Amino acid sequence: IFCGRDLAASTDAMVEATQEHLVPRSLLQPNSAEPNVAHNMAACCAGCNALKGEFIPPKDHPCWKSRQAYVKECYRFISSQRLKHYLRYRDHIEKVLRERAGE
């Protein structure tokens, strides 16, 4: 739902797929709300699901007006998390790749 990966493209992608609760279960269950309703569920790759974690936009964010806007805001958050991870590990990854290439 977030990155657009075709989860039906291969058996590997399908096995790595997860069920995403758009609004996390941990936030709904204490308020006696049912988290497993269709409009709160989506297929998601494991990477996006892990990066999203317990994120929800602030209550006053305009994305709460539509599911599409909510998904877009979650995608923006996931993208920012990917960038943070990349920047954190960029030098190490480049070093390892250069060593493997014999440079």
Protein backbone atom coordinates (compact mmCIF):
# COMPACT_ATOMS: atom_id res chain seq x y z
CA ILE A 1 0.00 0.00 0.00
CA PHE A 2 2.88 2.41 0.70
CA CYS A 3 5.78 1.75 -1.67
CA GLY A 4 3.82 0.18 -4.53
CA ARG A 5 5.75 -3.10 -4.49
CA ASP A 6 3.83 -5.79 -6.36
CA LEU A 7 3.36 -8.36 -3.62
CA ALA A 8 1.95 -10.86 -6.12
CA ALA A 9 4.98 -10.60 -8.41
CA SER A 10 6.74 -13.60 -6.89
CA THR A 11 6.35 -16.14 -4.14
CA ASP A 12 9.17 -14.40 -2.25
CA ALA A 13 7.31 -11.09 -2.33
CA MET A 14 4.08 -12.80 -1.29
CA VAL A 15 5.77 -14.56 1.65
CA GLU A 16 7.25 -11.24 2.82
CA ALA A 17 3.86 -9.50 2.70
CA THR A 18 2.29 -8.46 5.98
CA GLN A 19 -1.12 -7.28 7.08
CA GLU A 20 -0.84 -3.59 7.91
CA HIS A 21 -3.12 -1.96 10.43
CA LEU A 22 -3.27 1.61 9.15
CA VAL A 23 -4.14 2.81 12.63
CA PRO A 24 -2.05 0.55 14.90
CA ARG A 25 -3.80 -2.08 16.98
CA SER A 26 -2.01 -0.85 20.08
CA LEU A 27 -3.84 2.47 19.77
CA LEU A 28 -7.28 1.07 18.99
CA GLN A 29 -7.61 -1.83 21.41
CA PRO A 30 -7.22 0.18 24.63
CA ASN A 31 -10.17 2.29 23.43
CA SER A 32 -12.28 -0.81 22.73
CA ALA A 33 -12.14 -0.17 18.98
CA GLU A 34 -11.90 -3.15 16.63
CA PRO A 35 -8.55 -2.93 14.76
CA ASN A 36 -9.22 -5.69 12.21
CA VAL A 37 -11.97 -3.98 10.21
CA ALA A 38 -11.54 -3.90 6.44
CA HIS A 39 -10.99 -0.13 6.15
CA ASN A 40 -8.10 -0.35 8.63
CA MET A 41 -6.33 -3.26 6.92
CA ALA A 42 -4.02 -3.32 3.90
CA ALA A 43 -1.39 -5.57 2.35
CA CYS A 44 2.06 -4.18 2.98
CA CYS A 45 5.68 -5.22 2.40
CA ALA A 46 7.53 -6.10 5.59
CA GLY A 47 9.99 -3.23 5.14
CA CYS A 48 7.33 -0.52 5.02
CA ASN A 49 5.41 -2.13 7.87
CA ALA A 50 8.51 -2.16 10.07
CA LEU A 51 9.44 1.44 9.22
CA LYS A 52 5.91 2.70 9.87
CA GLY A 53 5.73 0.97 13.23
CA GLU A 54 3.32 2.78 15.56
CA PHE A 55 3.31 6.02 13.56
CA ILE A 56 0.09 7.94 13.19
CA PRO A 57 -0.21 11.54 12.00
CA PRO A 58 -1.16 14.23 14.52
CA LYS A 59 -4.90 14.51 15.23
CA ASP A 60 -5.15 17.89 13.50
CA HIS A 61 -3.34 16.80 10.30
CA PRO A 62 -5.50 17.21 7.18
CA CYS A 63 -4.73 13.64 6.08
CA TRP A 64 -7.47 12.36 8.40
CA LYS A 65 -10.04 13.55 5.85
CA SER A 66 -9.50 10.60 3.47
CA ARG A 67 -7.89 7.17 3.43
CA GLN A 68 -5.83 8.15 0.38
CA ALA A 69 -4.43 11.23 2.13
CA TYR A 70 -3.72 9.18 5.27
CA VAL A 71 -1.80 6.55 3.25
CA LYS A 72 0.14 9.33 1.49
CA GLU A 73 1.16 10.85 4.83
CA CYS A 74 2.26 7.46 6.14
CA TYR A 75 4.28 6.96 2.94
CA ARG A 76 5.94 10.34 3.52
CA PHE A 77 6.87 9.25 7.06
CA ILE A 78 8.19 5.87 5.83
CA SER A 79 10.26 7.65 3.17
CA SER A 80 11.77 9.94 5.81
CA GLN A 81 12.64 6.88 7.91
CA ARG A 82 14.31 5.23 4.89
CA LEU A 83 16.37 8.38 4.34
CA LYS A 84 17.46 8.44 7.99
CA HIS A 85 18.56 4.81 7.77
CA TYR A 86 20.41 5.43 4.51
CA LEU A 87 22.25 8.45 5.89
CA ARG A 88 23.14 6.58 9.08
CA TYR A 89 24.64 3.61 7.24
CA ARG A 90 25.81 5.18 3.94
CA ASP A 91 29.51 5.37 4.79
CA HIS A 92 29.58 1.82 6.14
CA ILE A 93 27.76 0.44 3.09
CA GLU A 94 30.09 2.23 0.68
CA LYS A 95 33.13 0.92 2.58
CA VAL A 96 31.87 -2.67 2.48
CA LEU A 97 30.98 -2.47 -1.20
CA ARG A 98 34.42 -1.04 -2.05
CA GLU A 99 36.13 -3.82 -0.08
CA ARG A 100 34.07 -6.46 -1.89
CA ALA A 101 34.96 -4.90 -5.23
CA GLY A 102 38.66 -5.01 -4.31
CA GLU A 103 39.14 -1.25 -4.17
